[in-house]
PDB file of all heavy atoms in Angstrom:
ATOM      1  N   ARG A   1       0.817  -1.218   0.000  1.00  0.00           N
ATOM      2  CA  ARG A   1       0.000   0.000   0.000  1.00  0.00           C
ATOM      3  C   ARG A   1       0.850   1.268   0.000  1.00  0.00           C
ATOM      4  O   ARG A   1       0.334   2.349  -0.186  1.00  0.00           O
ATOM      5  CB  ARG A   1      -0.948   0.003   1.190  1.00  0.00           C
ATOM      6  CG  ARG A   1      -0.310   0.324   2.537  1.00  0.00           C
ATOM      7  CD  ARG A   1      -1.285   0.208   3.674  1.00  0.00           C
ATOM      8  NE  ARG A   1      -1.657  -1.169   3.916  1.00  0.00           N
ATOM      9  CZ  ARG A   1      -2.289  -1.587   5.015  1.00  0.00           C
ATOM     10  NH1 ARG A   1      -2.649  -0.715   5.933  1.00  0.00           N
ATOM     11  NH2 ARG A   1      -2.581  -2.852   5.205  1.00  0.00           N
ATOM     12  N   PHE A   2       2.161   1.126   0.208  1.00  0.00           N
ATOM     13  CA  PHE A   2       3.048   2.287   0.183  1.00  0.00           C
ATOM     14  C   PHE A   2       3.705   2.494  -1.177  1.00  0.00           C
ATOM     15  O   PHE A   2       4.519   3.393  -1.337  1.00  0.00           O
ATOM     16  CB  PHE A   2       4.136   2.150   1.255  1.00  0.00           C
ATOM     17  CG  PHE A   2       3.590   1.981   2.646  1.00  0.00           C
ATOM     18  CD1 PHE A   2       4.130   1.037   3.500  1.00  0.00           C
ATOM     19  CD2 PHE A   2       2.514   2.741   3.080  1.00  0.00           C
ATOM     20  CE1 PHE A   2       3.626   0.872   4.781  1.00  0.00           C
ATOM     21  CE2 PHE A   2       2.002   2.589   4.350  1.00  0.00           C
ATOM     22  CZ  PHE A   2       2.559   1.650   5.212  1.00  0.00           C
ATOM     23  N   GLU A   3       3.372   1.657  -2.153  1.00  0.00           N
ATOM     24  CA  GLU A   3       3.882   1.887  -3.501  1.00  0.00           C
ATOM     25  C   GLU A   3       3.226   3.139  -4.070  1.00  0.00           C
ATOM     26  O   GLU A   3       2.082   3.480  -3.738  1.00  0.00           O
ATOM     27  CB  GLU A   3       3.587   0.678  -4.385  1.00  0.00           C
ATOM     28  CG  GLU A   3       4.349  -0.580  -3.962  1.00  0.00           C
ATOM     29  CD  GLU A   3       4.014  -1.777  -4.815  1.00  0.00           C
ATOM     30  OE1 GLU A   3       3.207  -1.621  -5.758  1.00  0.00           O
ATOM     31  OE2 GLU A   3       4.539  -2.875  -4.549  1.00  0.00           O
ATOM     32  N   GLN A   4       3.935   3.822  -4.938  1.00  0.00           N
ATOM     33  CA  GLN A   4       3.499   5.133  -5.415  1.00  0.00           C
ATOM     34  C   GLN A   4       2.122   5.100  -6.049  1.00  0.00           C
ATOM     35  O   GLN A   4       1.322   6.017  -5.879  1.00  0.00           O
ATOM     36  CB  GLN A   4       4.523   5.690  -6.412  1.00  0.00           C
ATOM     37  CG  GLN A   4       4.189   7.100  -6.904  1.00  0.00           C
ATOM     38  CD  GLN A   4       5.316   7.695  -7.723  1.00  0.00           C
ATOM     39  OE1 GLN A   4       6.479   7.462  -7.450  1.00  0.00           O
ATOM     40  NE2 GLN A   4       4.962   8.458  -8.747  1.00  0.00           N
ATOM     41  N   GLU A   5       1.790   4.013  -6.749  1.00  0.00           N
ATOM     42  CA  GLU A   5       0.504   3.963  -7.450  1.00  0.00           C
ATOM     43  C   GLU A   5      -0.677   3.892  -6.479  1.00  0.00           C
ATOM     44  O   GLU A   5      -1.806   4.229  -6.836  1.00  0.00           O
ATOM     45  CB  GLU A   5       0.468   2.768  -8.399  1.00  0.00           C
ATOM     46  CG  GLU A   5       0.634   1.426  -7.714  1.00  0.00           C
ATOM     47  CD  GLU A   5       0.664   0.281  -8.713  1.00  0.00           C
ATOM     48  OE1 GLU A   5      -0.337   0.105  -9.425  1.00  0.00           O
ATOM     49  OE2 GLU A   5       1.695  -0.418  -8.786  1.00  0.00           O
ATOM     50  N   TYR A   6      -0.423   3.435  -5.228  1.00  0.00           N
ATOM     51  CA  TYR A   6      -1.494   3.335  -4.246  1.00  0.00           C
ATOM     52  C   TYR A   6      -1.450   4.460  -3.225  1.00  0.00           C
ATOM     53  O   TYR A   6      -2.437   4.736  -2.557  1.00  0.00           O
ATOM     54  CB  TYR A   6      -1.417   2.003  -3.506  1.00  0.00           C
ATOM     55  CG  TYR A   6      -1.477   0.801  -4.412  1.00  0.00           C
ATOM     56  CD1 TYR A   6      -0.351   0.018  -4.654  1.00  0.00           C
ATOM     57  CD2 TYR A   6      -2.674   0.446  -5.040  1.00  0.00           C
ATOM     58  CE1 TYR A   6      -0.405  -1.082  -5.502  1.00  0.00           C
ATOM     59  CE2 TYR A   6      -2.739  -0.648  -5.881  1.00  0.00           C
ATOM     60  CZ  TYR A   6      -1.597  -1.412  -6.106  1.00  0.00           C
ATOM     61  OH  TYR A   6      -1.649  -2.494  -6.931  1.00  0.00           O
ATOM     62  N   PHE A   7      -0.289   5.083  -3.085  1.00  0.00           N
ATOM     63  CA  PHE A   7      -0.104   6.061  -2.030  1.00  0.00           C
ATOM     64  C   PHE A   7      -0.856   7.345  -2.381  1.00  0.00           C
ATOM     65  O   PHE A   7      -0.672   7.884  -3.460  1.00  0.00           O
ATOM     66  CB  PHE A   7       1.389   6.359  -1.856  1.00  0.00           C
ATOM     67  CG  PHE A   7       1.738   6.887  -0.500  1.00  0.00           C
ATOM     68  CD1 PHE A   7       1.833   6.033   0.583  1.00  0.00           C
ATOM     69  CD2 PHE A   7       1.961   8.234  -0.310  1.00  0.00           C
ATOM     70  CE1 PHE A   7       2.158   6.520   1.830  1.00  0.00           C
ATOM     71  CE2 PHE A   7       2.275   8.734   0.934  1.00  0.00           C
ATOM     72  CZ  PHE A   7       2.381   7.864   2.013  1.00  0.00           C
ATOM     73  N   PRO A   8      -1.677   7.855  -1.471  1.00  0.00           N
ATOM     74  CA  PRO A   8      -2.543   8.994  -1.833  1.00  0.00           C
ATOM     75  C   PRO A   8      -1.802  10.292  -2.104  1.00  0.00           C
ATOM     76  O   PRO A   8      -2.308  11.158  -2.811  1.00  0.00           O
ATOM     77  CB  PRO A   8      -3.453   9.145  -0.601  1.00  0.00           C
ATOM     78  CG  PRO A   8      -2.699   8.497   0.508  1.00  0.00           C
ATOM     79  CD  PRO A   8      -1.938   7.366  -0.127  1.00  0.00           C
ATOM     80  N   ALA A   9      -0.592  10.440  -1.551  1.00  0.00           N
ATOM     81  CA  ALA A   9       0.104  11.717  -1.730  1.00  0.00           C
ATOM     82  C   ALA A   9       0.782  11.825  -3.076  1.00  0.00           C
ATOM     83  O   ALA A   9       1.076  12.920  -3.543  1.00  0.00           O
ATOM     84  CB  ALA A   9       1.145  11.898  -0.628  1.00  0.00           C
ATOM     85  N   GLY A  10       1.053  10.682  -3.701  1.00  0.00           N
ATOM     86  CA  GLY A  10       1.768  10.713  -4.972  1.00  0.00           C
ATOM     87  C   GLY A  10       3.211  11.129  -4.771  1.00  0.00           C
ATOM     88  O   GLY A  10       3.775  10.976  -3.697  1.00  0.00           O
ATOM     89  N   PRO A  11       3.831  11.702  -5.785  1.00  0.00           N
ATOM     90  CA  PRO A  11       5.245  12.076  -5.685  1.00  0.00           C
ATOM     91  C   PRO A  11       5.427  13.322  -4.822  1.00  0.00           C
ATOM     92  O   PRO A  11       4.484  14.017  -4.472  1.00  0.00           O
ATOM     93  CB  PRO A  11       5.622  12.370  -7.140  1.00  0.00           C
ATOM     94  CG  PRO A  11       4.330  12.792  -7.774  1.00  0.00           C
ATOM     95  CD  PRO A  11       3.264  11.978  -7.096  1.00  0.00           C
ATOM     96  N   GLY A  12       6.675  13.607  -4.476  1.00  0.00           N
ATOM     97  CA  GLY A  12       6.990  14.819  -3.748  1.00  0.00           C
ATOM     98  C   GLY A  12       7.157  14.647  -2.254  1.00  0.00           C
ATOM     99  O   GLY A  12       7.327  15.627  -1.532  1.00  0.00           O
ATOM    100  N   LEU A  13       7.105  13.418  -1.736  1.00  0.00           N
ATOM    101  CA  LEU A  13       7.291  13.187  -0.311  1.00  0.00           C
ATOM    102  C   LEU A  13       8.769  13.306   0.054  1.00  0.00           C
ATOM    103  O   LEU A  13       9.656  13.100  -0.775  1.00  0.00           O
ATOM    104  CB  LEU A  13       6.778  11.805   0.076  1.00  0.00           C
ATOM    105  CG  LEU A  13       5.271  11.591  -0.033  1.00  0.00           C
ATOM    106  CD1 LEU A  13       4.927  10.133   0.228  1.00  0.00           C
ATOM    107  CD2 LEU A  13       4.529  12.482   0.931  1.00  0.00           C
ATOM    108  N   CYS A  14       9.028  13.602   1.341  1.00  0.00           N
ATOM    109  CA  CYS A  14      10.401  13.719   1.811  1.00  0.00           C
ATOM    110  C   CYS A  14      10.503  13.075   3.185  1.00  0.00           C
ATOM    111  O   CYS A  14       9.515  12.596   3.741  1.00  0.00           O
ATOM    112  CB  CYS A  14      10.836  15.179   1.845  1.00  0.00           C
ATOM    113  SG  CYS A  14       9.913  16.174   3.051  1.00  0.00           S
ATOM    114  N   ARG A  15      11.713  13.064   3.764  1.00  0.00           N
ATOM    115  CA  ARG A  15      11.940  12.404   5.045  1.00  0.00           C
ATOM    116  C   ARG A  15      11.155  13.045   6.186  1.00  0.00           C
ATOM    117  O   ARG A  15      10.922  12.401   7.204  1.00  0.00           O
ATOM    118  CB  ARG A  15      13.441  12.420   5.375  1.00  0.00           C
ATOM    119  CG  ARG A  15      14.267  11.500   4.503  1.00  0.00           C
ATOM    120  CD  ARG A  15      13.819  10.058   4.654  1.00  0.00           C
ATOM    121  NE  ARG A  15      14.553   9.167   3.747  1.00  0.00           N
ATOM    122  CZ  ARG A  15      14.158   7.960   3.422  1.00  0.00           C
ATOM    123  NH1 ARG A  15      13.029   7.484   3.924  1.00  0.00           N
ATOM    124  NH2 ARG A  15      14.871   7.213   2.600  1.00  0.00           N
ATOM    125  N   GLU A  16      10.767  14.303   6.035  1.00  0.00           N
ATOM    126  CA  GLU A  16       9.984  14.975   7.064  1.00  0.00           C
ATOM    127  C   GLU A  16       8.496  14.652   6.958  1.00  0.00           C
ATOM    128  O   GLU A  16       7.697  15.157   7.744  1.00  0.00           O
ATOM    129  CB  GLU A  16      10.195  16.488   7.006  1.00  0.00           C
ATOM    130  CG  GLU A  16      11.544  16.956   7.526  1.00  0.00           C
ATOM    131  CD  GLU A  16      12.695  16.539   6.640  1.00  0.00           C
ATOM    132  OE1 GLU A  16      12.543  16.596   5.403  1.00  0.00           O
ATOM    133  OE2 GLU A  16      13.751  16.122   7.171  1.00  0.00           O
ATOM    134  N   ASP A  17       8.129  13.816   5.968  1.00  0.00           N
ATOM    135  CA  ASP A  17       6.769  13.283   5.887  1.00  0.00           C
ATOM    136  C   ASP A  17       6.757  11.913   6.554  1.00  0.00           C
ATOM    137  O   ASP A  17       7.705  11.131   6.410  1.00  0.00           O
ATOM    138  CB  ASP A  17       6.318  13.158   4.431  1.00  0.00           C
ATOM    139  CG  ASP A  17       6.248  14.511   3.727  1.00  0.00           C
ATOM    140  OD1 ASP A  17       5.767  15.472   4.351  1.00  0.00           O
ATOM    141  OD2 ASP A  17       6.698  14.597   2.566  1.00  0.00           O
ATOM    142  N   TYR A  18       5.672  11.620   7.291  1.00  0.00           N
ATOM    143  CA  TYR A  18       5.631  10.402   8.093  1.00  0.00           C
ATOM    144  C   TYR A  18       4.416   9.544   7.744  1.00  0.00           C
ATOM    145  O   TYR A  18       3.324  10.063   7.529  1.00  0.00           O
ATOM    146  CB  TYR A  18       5.578  10.752   9.585  1.00  0.00           C
ATOM    147  CG  TYR A  18       6.767  11.562  10.044  1.00  0.00           C
ATOM    148  CD1 TYR A  18       6.686  12.950  10.139  1.00  0.00           C
ATOM    149  CD2 TYR A  18       7.972  10.946  10.362  1.00  0.00           C
ATOM    150  CE1 TYR A  18       7.773  13.707  10.543  1.00  0.00           C
ATOM    151  CE2 TYR A  18       9.071  11.693  10.770  1.00  0.00           C
ATOM    152  CZ  TYR A  18       8.963  13.072  10.859  1.00  0.00           C
ATOM    153  OH  TYR A  18      10.047  13.814  11.255  1.00  0.00           O
ATOM    154  N   VAL A  19       4.651   8.237   7.705  1.00  0.00           N
ATOM    155  CA  VAL A  19       3.559   7.270   7.599  1.00  0.00           C
ATOM    156  C   VAL A  19       3.586   6.431   8.872  1.00  0.00           C
ATOM    157  O   VAL A  19       4.611   5.831   9.204  1.00  0.00           O
ATOM    158  CB  VAL A  19       3.709   6.364   6.366  1.00  0.00           C
ATOM    159  CG1 VAL A  19       2.564   5.355   6.325  1.00  0.00           C
ATOM    160  CG2 VAL A  19       3.713   7.193   5.096  1.00  0.00           C
ATOM    161  N   ILE A  20       2.472   6.407   9.597  1.00  0.00           N
ATOM    162  CA  ILE A  20       2.391   5.717  10.886  1.00  0.00           C
ATOM    163  C   ILE A  20       1.492   4.496  10.740  1.00  0.00           C
ATOM    164  O   ILE A  20       0.376   4.581  10.209  1.00  0.00           O
ATOM    165  CB  ILE A  20       1.835   6.647  11.974  1.00  0.00           C
ATOM    166  CG1 ILE A  20       2.694   7.921  12.081  1.00  0.00           C
ATOM    167  CG2 ILE A  20       1.781   5.919  13.316  1.00  0.00           C
ATOM    168  CD1 ILE A  20       2.135   8.954  13.047  1.00  0.00           C
ATOM    169  N   VAL A  21       1.961   3.348  11.221  1.00  0.00           N
ATOM    170  CA  VAL A  21       1.207   2.093  11.173  1.00  0.00           C
ATOM    171  C   VAL A  21       0.722   1.771  12.584  1.00  0.00           C
ATOM    172  O   VAL A  21       1.517   1.716  13.532  1.00  0.00           O
ATOM    173  CB  VAL A  21       2.072   0.943  10.624  1.00  0.00           C
ATOM    174  CG1 VAL A  21       1.271  -0.357  10.591  1.00  0.00           C
ATOM    175  CG2 VAL A  21       2.590   1.287   9.231  1.00  0.00           C
ATOM    176  N   CYS A  22      -0.580   1.502  12.733  1.00  0.00           N
ATOM    177  CA  CYS A  22      -1.199   1.282  14.044  1.00  0.00           C
ATOM    178  C   CYS A  22      -1.098  -0.164  14.512  1.00  0.00           C
ATOM    179  O   CYS A  22      -2.101  -0.805  14.852  1.00  0.00           O
ATOM    180  CB  CYS A  22      -2.657   1.724  14.013  1.00  0.00           C
ATOM    181  SG  CYS A  22      -2.886   3.500  13.869  1.00  0.00           S
ATOM    182  N   GLY A  23       0.103  -0.706  14.512  1.00  0.00           N
ATOM    183  CA  GLY A  23       0.321  -2.038  15.072  1.00  0.00           C
ATOM    184  C   GLY A  23       0.269  -3.152  14.053  1.00  0.00           C
ATOM    185  O   GLY A  23      -0.175  -2.974  12.918  1.00  0.00           O
ATOM    186  N   ASP A  24       0.725  -4.356  14.483  1.00  0.00           N
ATOM    187  CA  ASP A  24       0.883  -5.503  13.579  1.00  0.00           C
ATOM    188  C   ASP A  24       1.624  -5.075  12.316  1.00  0.00           C
ATOM    189  O   ASP A  24       1.198  -5.347  11.190  1.00  0.00           O
ATOM    190  CB  ASP A  24      -0.476  -6.123  13.233  1.00  0.00           C
ATOM    191  CG  ASP A  24      -1.002  -7.008  14.358  1.00  0.00           C
ATOM    192  OD1 ASP A  24      -0.301  -7.143  15.382  1.00  0.00           O
ATOM    193  OD2 ASP A  24      -2.103  -7.560  14.225  1.00  0.00           O
ATOM    194  N   PHE A  25       2.740  -4.417  12.541  1.00  0.00           N
ATOM    195  CA  PHE A  25       3.554  -3.896  11.451  1.00  0.00           C
ATOM    196  C   PHE A  25       4.150  -5.031  10.623  1.00  0.00           C
ATOM    197  O   PHE A  25       4.118  -4.999   9.390  1.00  0.00           O
ATOM    198  CB  PHE A  25       4.659  -3.007  12.033  1.00  0.00           C
ATOM    199  CG  PHE A  25       5.654  -2.511  11.029  1.00  0.00           C
ATOM    200  CD1 PHE A  25       5.295  -1.571  10.077  1.00  0.00           C
ATOM    201  CD2 PHE A  25       6.967  -2.970  11.042  1.00  0.00           C
ATOM    202  CE1 PHE A  25       6.217  -1.103   9.153  1.00  0.00           C
ATOM    203  CE2 PHE A  25       7.899  -2.501  10.131  1.00  0.00           C
ATOM    204  CZ  PHE A  25       7.516  -1.571   9.179  1.00  0.00           C
ATOM    205  N   GLY A  26       4.701  -6.043  11.287  1.00  0.00           N
ATOM    206  CA  GLY A  26       5.240  -7.176  10.544  1.00  0.00           C
ATOM    207  C   GLY A  26       6.687  -7.499  10.835  1.00  0.00           C
ATOM    208  O   GLY A  26       7.392  -8.031   9.977  1.00  0.00           O
ATOM    209  N   ILE A  27       7.159  -7.189  12.058  1.00  0.00           N
ATOM    210  CA  ILE A  27       8.481  -7.666  12.481  1.00  0.00           C
ATOM    211  C   ILE A  27       8.287  -9.110  12.917  1.00  0.00           C
ATOM    212  O   ILE A  27       7.828  -9.400  14.020  1.00  0.00           O
ATOM    213  CB  ILE A  27       9.035  -6.812  13.635  1.00  0.00           C
ATOM    214  CG1 ILE A  27       9.203  -5.358  13.196  1.00  0.00           C
ATOM    215  CG2 ILE A  27      10.366  -7.372  14.127  1.00  0.00           C
ATOM    216  CD1 ILE A  27      10.215  -5.154  12.092  1.00  0.00           C
ATOM    217  N   TRP A  28       8.616 -10.036  12.029  1.00  0.00           N
ATOM    218  CA  TRP A  28       8.237 -11.431  12.265  1.00  0.00           C
ATOM    219  C   TRP A  28       9.436 -12.378  12.249  1.00  0.00           C
ATOM    220  O   TRP A  28       9.548 -13.265  13.080  1.00  0.00           O
ATOM    221  CB  TRP A  28       7.209 -11.850  11.233  1.00  0.00           C
ATOM    222  CG  TRP A  28       6.420 -13.073  11.609  1.00  0.00           C
ATOM    223  CD1 TRP A  28       6.403 -14.270  10.959  1.00  0.00           C
ATOM    224  CD2 TRP A  28       5.532 -13.218  12.725  1.00  0.00           C
ATOM    225  NE1 TRP A  28       5.548 -15.147  11.596  1.00  0.00           N
ATOM    226  CE2 TRP A  28       5.006 -14.532  12.689  1.00  0.00           C
ATOM    227  CE3 TRP A  28       5.133 -12.366  13.749  1.00  0.00           C
ATOM    228  CZ2 TRP A  28       4.099 -15.007  13.644  1.00  0.00           C
ATOM    229  CZ3 TRP A  28       4.232 -12.842  14.702  1.00  0.00           C
ATOM    230  CH2 TRP A  28       3.724 -14.143  14.640  1.00  0.00           C
ATOM    231  N   ASP A  29      10.346 -12.205  11.297  1.00  0.00           N
ATOM    232  CA  ASP A  29      11.508 -13.086  11.221  1.00  0.00           C
ATOM    233  C   ASP A  29      12.640 -12.355  10.512  1.00  0.00           C
ATOM    234  O   ASP A  29      12.519 -11.169  10.199  1.00  0.00           O
ATOM    235  CB  ASP A  29      11.171 -14.404  10.505  1.00  0.00           C
ATOM    236  CG  ASP A  29      10.547 -14.171   9.126  1.00  0.00           C
ATOM    237  OD1 ASP A  29      11.032 -13.276   8.402  1.00  0.00           O
ATOM    238  OD2 ASP A  29       9.586 -14.880   8.778  1.00  0.00           O
TER     239      ASP A  29
END
C-alpha cells in the first residue's frame, strides 16, 4: 500500500513526511 501507485500523496514526499502504522507492522523473522 506504500507503492506510489497506491499512495494517496503521490510524488513529492520527503523524510519529514511520516507514515504511521497502528500495530501488527510485521516484524516477524
